């Protein structure tokens, strides 16, 4: 497993929350850069503000995938912005399932890993208790979507990712931790592929 398409939001893009103009952490700080340094070709498909696409948004995703294939795996790290936009964990899970159907239909012979994001914590962007409660429910909904579509699942909420003052974005240490845990997941996926 070498070429990996990484579809995500600002935490995949590498947004530096200390900036005012949408600046990114350096490549060697971002988790995508860290797995690239470990020997993977990590195609960064992170977009600030991205949520799970659905309906009319799916053709845009399909076009992006088509332009980047072939790939050995697709990693999807989304869901945070769905909650910030007011969707429930259950609604977000349904959107995830619709996206997975599209991705799986296009990815021939590759693996898909859906990753539940770390839980939101109280901060400048998270001042509504409902956001925190829905965030706690999101992992189960995304696990269900992964199972329904026969793809791999990981819960970054169990990885101890450090978030910054806004309660949403990874700190540099959080990116390092995420990359370390993700590399273990990729190793497990590679092992399953070899067994098959």
C-alpha atoms as a PDB file:
ATOM      1  CA  UNK A   1       0.000   0.000   0.000  1.00  0.00           C
ATOM      2  CA  UNK A   2       1.678   3.181  -1.171  1.00  0.00           C
ATOM      3  CA  UNK A   3      -0.569   5.780  -2.854  1.00  0.00           C
ATOM      4  CA  UNK A   4      -3.217   7.085  -0.460  1.00  0.00           C
ATOM      5  CA  UNK A   5      -5.888   9.681  -1.176  1.00  0.00           C
ATOM      6  CA  UNK A   6      -6.671  11.664   1.978  1.00  0.00           C
ATOM      7  CA  UNK A   7     -10.117  13.277   1.894  1.00  0.00           C
ATOM      8  CA  UNK A   8     -10.826  15.588   4.781  1.00  0.00           C
ATOM      9  CA  UNK A   9     -11.470  19.021   6.184  1.00  0.00           C
ATOM     10  CA  UNK A  10      -9.157  21.613   7.724  1.00  0.00           C
ATOM     11  CA  UNK A  11      -7.434  19.034   9.924  1.00  0.00           C
ATOM     12  CA  UNK A  12      -6.363  17.195   6.766  1.00  0.00           C
ATOM     13  CA  UNK A  13      -5.555  20.414   4.923  1.00  0.00           C
ATOM     14  CA  UNK A  14      -3.358  21.313   7.887  1.00  0.00           C
ATOM     15  CA  UNK A  15      -4.998  24.603   8.889  1.00  0.00           C
ATOM     16  CA  UNK A  16      -3.014  26.490  11.500  1.00  0.00           C
ATOM     17  CA  UNK A  17      -5.612  27.983  13.885  1.00  0.00           C
ATOM     18  CA  UNK A  18      -3.102  30.562  15.115  1.00  0.00           C
ATOM     19  CA  UNK A  19      -3.292  32.281  11.712  1.00  0.00           C
ATOM     20  CA  UNK A  20      -5.895  34.784  10.536  1.00  0.00           C
ATOM     21  CA  UNK A  21      -5.548  34.189   6.808  1.00  0.00           C
ATOM     22  CA  UNK A  22      -5.973  30.429   6.525  1.00  0.00           C
ATOM     23  CA  UNK A  23      -2.289  29.547   6.751  1.00  0.00           C
ATOM     24  CA  UNK A  24      -1.202  25.927   7.070  1.00  0.00           C
ATOM     25  CA  UNK A  25       1.153  24.133   9.356  1.00  0.00           C
ATOM     26  CA  UNK A  26       4.413  23.242   7.580  1.00  0.00           C
ATOM     27  CA  UNK A  27       4.424  20.002   5.598  1.00  0.00           C
ATOM     28  CA  UNK A  28       6.533  18.230   8.202  1.00  0.00           C
ATOM     29  CA  UNK A  29       3.998  19.121  10.918  1.00  0.00           C
ATOM     30  CA  UNK A  30       0.795  18.069   9.102  1.00  0.00           C
ATOM     31  CA  UNK A  31      -0.240  14.458   9.566  1.00  0.00           C
ATOM     32  CA  UNK A  32      -0.321  13.934   5.806  1.00  0.00           C
ATOM     33  CA  UNK A  33       3.279  15.109   5.578  1.00  0.00           C
ATOM     34  CA  UNK A  34       4.272  12.810   8.407  1.00  0.00           C
ATOM     35  CA  UNK A  35       2.867   9.696   6.746  1.00  0.00           C
ATOM     36  CA  UNK A  36       4.523  10.798   3.505  1.00  0.00           C
ATOM     37  CA  UNK A  37       7.818  10.927   5.403  1.00  0.00           C
ATOM     38  CA  UNK A  38       7.113   7.339   6.481  1.00  0.00           C
ATOM     39  CA  UNK A  39       7.103   6.222   2.845  1.00  0.00           C
ATOM     40  CA  UNK A  40       3.554   6.768   1.626  1.00  0.00           C
ATOM     41  CA  UNK A  41       2.483   8.919  -1.293  1.00  0.00           C
ATOM     42  CA  UNK A  42      -0.149  10.919   0.558  1.00  0.00           C
ATOM     43  CA  UNK A  43      -2.380  12.979  -1.749  1.00  0.00           C
ATOM     44  CA  UNK A  44      -3.800  15.744   0.441  1.00  0.00           C
ATOM     45  CA  UNK A  45      -7.458  16.296  -0.417  1.00  0.00           C
ATOM     46  CA  UNK A  46      -8.200  18.385   2.649  1.00  0.00           C
ATOM     47  CA  UNK A  47     -10.448  21.436   2.227  1.00  0.00           C
ATOM     48  CA  UNK A  48     -11.222  23.948   4.967  1.00  0.00           C
ATOM     49  CA  UNK A  49     -14.881  23.713   5.956  1.00  0.00           C
ATOM     50  CA  UNK A  50     -15.575  20.457   4.097  1.00  0.00           C
ATOM     51  CA  UNK A  51     -18.430  18.269   5.307  1.00  0.00           C
ATOM     52  CA  UNK A  52     -19.674  14.922   3.999  1.00  0.00           C
ATOM     53  CA  UNK A  53     -20.915  15.555   0.439  1.00  0.00           C
ATOM     54  CA  UNK A  54     -24.336  14.344  -0.612  1.00  0.00           C
ATOM     55  CA  UNK A  55     -26.680  14.619  -3.583  1.00  0.00           C
ATOM     56  CA  UNK A  56     -25.513  17.225  -6.054  1.00  0.00           C
ATOM     57  CA  UNK A  57     -22.143  17.500  -4.305  1.00  0.00           C
ATOM     58  CA  UNK A  58     -21.187  13.892  -5.035  1.00  0.00           C
ATOM     59  CA  UNK A  59     -20.318  14.429  -8.738  1.00  0.00           C
ATOM     60  CA  UNK A  60     -17.649  16.916  -7.627  1.00  0.00           C
ATOM     61  CA  UNK A  61     -16.175  14.253  -5.360  1.00  0.00           C
ATOM     62  CA  UNK A  62     -16.327  11.679  -8.158  1.00  0.00           C
ATOM     63  CA  UNK A  63     -14.485  14.007 -10.522  1.00  0.00           C
ATOM     64  CA  UNK A  64     -11.750  14.617  -7.954  1.00  0.00           C
ATOM     65  CA  UNK A  65     -11.354  10.898  -7.327  1.00  0.00           C
ATOM     66  CA  UNK A  66     -11.197  10.162 -11.039  1.00  0.00           C
ATOM     67  CA  UNK A  67      -8.404  12.712 -11.442  1.00  0.00           C
ATOM     68  CA  UNK A  68      -6.329  11.113  -8.665  1.00  0.00           C
ATOM     69  CA  UNK A  69      -6.840   7.395  -9.315  1.00  0.00           C
ATOM     70  CA  UNK A  70      -5.374   4.830  -9.272  1.00  0.00           C
ATOM     71  CA  UNK A  71      -4.787   4.625  -5.544  1.00  0.00           C
ATOM     72  CA  UNK A  72      -4.128   1.863  -3.072  1.00  0.00           C
ATOM     73  CA  UNK A  73      -6.383   3.379  -0.428  1.00  0.00           C
ATOM     74  CA  UNK A  74      -8.720   6.260   0.330  1.00  0.00           C
ATOM     75  CA  UNK A  75      -8.798   7.746   3.822  1.00  0.00           C
ATOM     76  CA  UNK A  76     -11.809   9.824   4.852  1.00  0.00           C
ATOM     77  CA  UNK A  77     -11.653  12.094   7.901  1.00  0.00           C
ATOM     78  CA  UNK A  78     -14.854  14.143   8.011  1.00  0.00           C
ATOM     79  CA  UNK A  79     -17.824  14.855  10.259  1.00  0.00           C
ATOM     80  CA  UNK A  80     -16.696  17.783  12.397  1.00  0.00           C
ATOM     81  CA  UNK A  81     -18.084  20.444  10.066  1.00  0.00           C
ATOM     82  CA  UNK A  82     -21.369  18.575   9.702  1.00  0.00           C
ATOM     83  CA  UNK A  83     -21.875  19.002  13.444  1.00  0.00           C
ATOM     84  CA  UNK A  84     -20.745  22.633  13.369  1.00  0.00           C
ATOM     85  CA  UNK A  85     -23.324  23.236  10.610  1.00  0.00           C
ATOM     86  CA  UNK A  86     -26.078  21.949  12.893  1.00  0.00           C
ATOM     87  CA  UNK A  87     -26.463  18.370  11.691  1.00  0.00           C
ATOM     88  CA  UNK A  88     -26.958  15.583  14.185  1.00  0.00           C
ATOM     89  CA  UNK A  89     -24.617  12.619  14.471  1.00  0.00           C
ATOM     90  CA  UNK A  90     -27.324  10.435  12.886  1.00  0.00           C
ATOM     91  CA  UNK A  91     -27.719  12.786   9.901  1.00  0.00           C
ATOM     92  CA  UNK A  92     -23.955  12.898   9.514  1.00  0.00           C
ATOM     93  CA  UNK A  93     -23.797   9.115   9.489  1.00  0.00           C
ATOM     94  CA  UNK A  94     -26.323   8.975   6.636  1.00  0.00           C
ATOM     95  CA  UNK A  95     -24.287  11.470   4.648  1.00  0.00           C
ATOM     96  CA  UNK A  96     -21.171   9.407   5.302  1.00  0.00           C
ATOM     97  CA  UNK A  97     -22.885   6.299   3.959  1.00  0.00           C
ATOM     98  CA  UNK A  98     -23.903   8.095   0.751  1.00  0.00           C
ATOM     99  CA  UNK A  99     -20.325   9.252   0.250  1.00  0.00           C
ATOM    100  CA  UNK A 100     -18.931   5.774   0.867  1.00  0.00           C
ATOM    101  CA  UNK A 101     -21.207   4.333  -1.808  1.00  0.00           C
ATOM    102  CA  UNK A 102     -19.721   6.773  -4.323  1.00  0.00           C
ATOM    103  CA  UNK A 103     -16.120   6.164  -3.259  1.00  0.00           C
ATOM    104  CA  UNK A 104     -16.434   2.374  -3.220  1.00  0.00           C
ATOM    105  CA  UNK A 105     -18.015   2.368  -6.686  1.00  0.00           C
ATOM    106  CA  UNK A 106     -14.966   4.166  -8.086  1.00  0.00           C
ATOM    107  CA  UNK A 107     -12.141   2.508  -6.174  1.00  0.00           C
ATOM    108  CA  UNK A 108     -11.310  -0.732  -7.916  1.00  0.00           C
ATOM    109  CA  UNK A 109      -9.027  -2.971  -5.922  1.00  0.00           C
ATOM    110  CA  UNK A 110      -8.239  -0.410  -3.231  1.00  0.00           C
ATOM    111  CA  UNK A 111      -9.129  -0.086   0.424  1.00  0.00           C
ATOM    112  CA  UNK A 112     -11.239   2.564   2.137  1.00  0.00           C
ATOM    113  CA  UNK A 113     -10.707   3.720   5.714  1.00  0.00           C
ATOM    114  CA  UNK A 114     -13.347   5.907   7.368  1.00  0.00           C
ATOM    115  CA  UNK A 115     -11.967   7.693  10.427  1.00  0.00           C
ATOM    116  CA  UNK A 116     -14.201   9.229  13.078  1.00  0.00           C
ATOM    117  CA  UNK A 117     -12.692  12.584  14.107  1.00  0.00           C
ATOM    118  CA  UNK A 118     -11.655  13.360  17.667  1.00  0.00           C
ATOM    119  CA  UNK A 119     -14.478  14.498  19.923  1.00  0.00           C
ATOM    120  CA  UNK A 120     -15.085  18.228  20.028  1.00  0.00           C
ATOM    121  CA  UNK A 121     -14.187  19.950  23.273  1.00  0.00           C
ATOM    122  CA  UNK A 122     -15.275  23.262  24.735  1.00  0.00           C
ATOM    123  CA  UNK A 123     -13.459  26.139  23.063  1.00  0.00           C
ATOM    124  CA  UNK A 124     -13.847  29.274  20.962  1.00  0.00           C
ATOM    125  CA  UNK A 125     -15.635  27.361  18.189  1.00  0.00           C
ATOM    126  CA  UNK A 126     -17.490  24.988  20.513  1.00  0.00           C
ATOM    127  CA  UNK A 127     -19.656  26.845  23.007  1.00  0.00           C
ATOM    128  CA  UNK A 128     -22.876  24.837  22.643  1.00  0.00           C
ATOM    129  CA  UNK A 129     -23.201  21.740  24.865  1.00  0.00           C
ATOM    130  CA  UNK A 130     -25.247  20.096  22.088  1.00  0.00           C
ATOM    131  CA  UNK A 131     -22.176  20.062  19.856  1.00  0.00           C
ATOM    132  CA  UNK A 132     -20.222  18.142  22.449  1.00  0.00           C
ATOM    133  CA  UNK A 133     -23.027  15.637  23.042  1.00  0.00           C
ATOM    134  CA  UNK A 134     -23.544  15.011  19.301  1.00  0.00           C
ATOM    135  CA  UNK A 135     -19.788  14.684  18.865  1.00  0.00           C
ATOM    136  CA  UNK A 136     -19.784  11.890  21.441  1.00  0.00           C
ATOM    137  CA  UNK A 137     -22.393  10.034  19.357  1.00  0.00           C
ATOM    138  CA  UNK A 138     -20.670  10.492  16.000  1.00  0.00           C
ATOM    139  CA  UNK A 139     -18.220   7.606  16.214  1.00  0.00           C
ATOM    140  CA  UNK A 140     -20.988   5.001  16.535  1.00  0.00           C
ATOM    141  CA  UNK A 141     -22.859   6.457  13.561  1.00  0.00           C
ATOM    142  CA  UNK A 142     -19.751   6.481  11.380  1.00  0.00           C
ATOM    143  CA  UNK A 143     -18.868   2.945  12.439  1.00  0.00           C
ATOM    144  CA  UNK A 144     -22.346   1.890  11.331  1.00  0.00           C
ATOM    145  CA  UNK A 145     -21.870   3.613   7.950  1.00  0.00           C
ATOM    146  CA  UNK A 146     -18.532   1.853   7.487  1.00  0.00           C
ATOM    147  CA  UNK A 147     -20.030  -1.533   8.323  1.00  0.00           C
ATOM    148  CA  UNK A 148     -22.958  -0.971   5.960  1.00  0.00           C
ATOM    149  CA  UNK A 149     -20.545  -0.287   3.118  1.00  0.00           C
ATOM    150  CA  UNK A 150     -17.961  -2.929   3.978  1.00  0.00           C
ATOM    151  CA  UNK A 151     -15.057  -0.541   4.582  1.00  0.00           C
ATOM    152  CA  UNK A 152     -12.475  -0.238   7.360  1.00  0.00           C
ATOM    153  CA  UNK A 153     -13.126   2.016  10.338  1.00  0.00           C
ATOM    154  CA  UNK A 154     -10.988   3.738  12.962  1.00  0.00           C
ATOM    155  CA  UNK A 155     -11.952   6.036  15.819  1.00  0.00           C
ATOM    156  CA  UNK A 156      -9.529   8.925  16.299  1.00  0.00           C
ATOM    157  CA  UNK A 157     -11.525   9.820  19.396  1.00  0.00           C
ATOM    158  CA  UNK A 158      -9.585   7.020  21.113  1.00  0.00           C
ATOM    159  CA  UNK A 159      -6.179   8.265  19.991  1.00  0.00           C
ATOM    160  CA  UNK A 160      -5.679  11.091  22.482  1.00  0.00           C
ATOM    161  CA  UNK A 161      -5.398  13.817  19.843  1.00  0.00           C
ATOM    162  CA  UNK A 162      -4.568  17.208  21.348  1.00  0.00           C
ATOM    163  CA  UNK A 163      -6.814  20.030  20.137  1.00  0.00           C
ATOM    164  CA  UNK A 164      -6.118  23.762  20.378  1.00  0.00           C
ATOM    165  CA  UNK A 165      -8.027  26.635  21.927  1.00  0.00           C
ATOM    166  CA  UNK A 166     -10.926  26.483  19.457  1.00  0.00           C
ATOM    167  CA  UNK A 167     -11.911  22.935  20.460  1.00  0.00           C
ATOM    168  CA  UNK A 168     -11.748  21.732  16.844  1.00  0.00           C
ATOM    169  CA  UNK A 169      -8.290  21.860  15.270  1.00  0.00           C
ATOM    170  CA  UNK A 170      -5.277  19.647  15.888  1.00  0.00           C
ATOM    171  CA  UNK A 171      -2.257  21.119  17.618  1.00  0.00           C
ATOM    172  CA  UNK A 172       1.171  20.270  16.162  1.00  0.00           C
ATOM    173  CA  UNK A 173       1.369  17.540  18.811  1.00  0.00           C
ATOM    174  CA  UNK A 174      -2.087  16.390  17.742  1.00  0.00           C
ATOM    175  CA  UNK A 175      -0.920  16.016  14.143  1.00  0.00           C
ATOM    176  CA  UNK A 176       2.060  13.954  15.313  1.00  0.00           C
ATOM    177  CA  UNK A 177      -0.155  11.701  17.429  1.00  0.00           C
ATOM    178  CA  UNK A 178      -2.701  11.299  14.631  1.00  0.00           C
ATOM    179  CA  UNK A 179       0.022  10.287  12.164  1.00  0.00           C
ATOM    180  CA  UNK A 180       1.511   7.784  14.594  1.00  0.00           C
ATOM    181  CA  UNK A 181      -1.845   6.103  15.223  1.00  0.00           C
ATOM    182  CA  UNK A 182      -2.789   6.214  11.550  1.00  0.00           C
ATOM    183  CA  UNK A 183       0.423   4.447  10.530  1.00  0.00           C
ATOM    184  CA  UNK A 184      -0.571   1.581  12.814  1.00  0.00           C
ATOM    185  CA  UNK A 185      -3.990   1.416  11.131  1.00  0.00           C
ATOM    186  CA  UNK A 186      -2.377   1.390   7.686  1.00  0.00           C
ATOM    187  CA  UNK A 187      -0.099  -1.433   8.783  1.00  0.00           C
ATOM    188  CA  UNK A 188      -3.141  -3.447   9.860  1.00  0.00           C
ATOM    189  CA  UNK A 189      -4.873  -2.719   6.547  1.00  0.00           C
ATOM    190  CA  UNK A 190      -1.785  -3.781   4.607  1.00  0.00           C
ATOM    191  CA  UNK A 191      -1.714  -7.018   6.573  1.00  0.00           C
ATOM    192  CA  UNK A 192      -5.356  -7.753   5.718  1.00  0.00           C
ATOM    193  CA  UNK A 193      -4.703  -7.019   2.048  1.00  0.00           C
ATOM    194  CA  UNK A 194      -1.715  -9.361   2.026  1.00  0.00           C
ATOM    195  CA  UNK A 195      -3.793 -12.150   3.611  1.00  0.00           C
ATOM    196  CA  UNK A 196      -6.447 -11.766   0.923  1.00  0.00           C
END
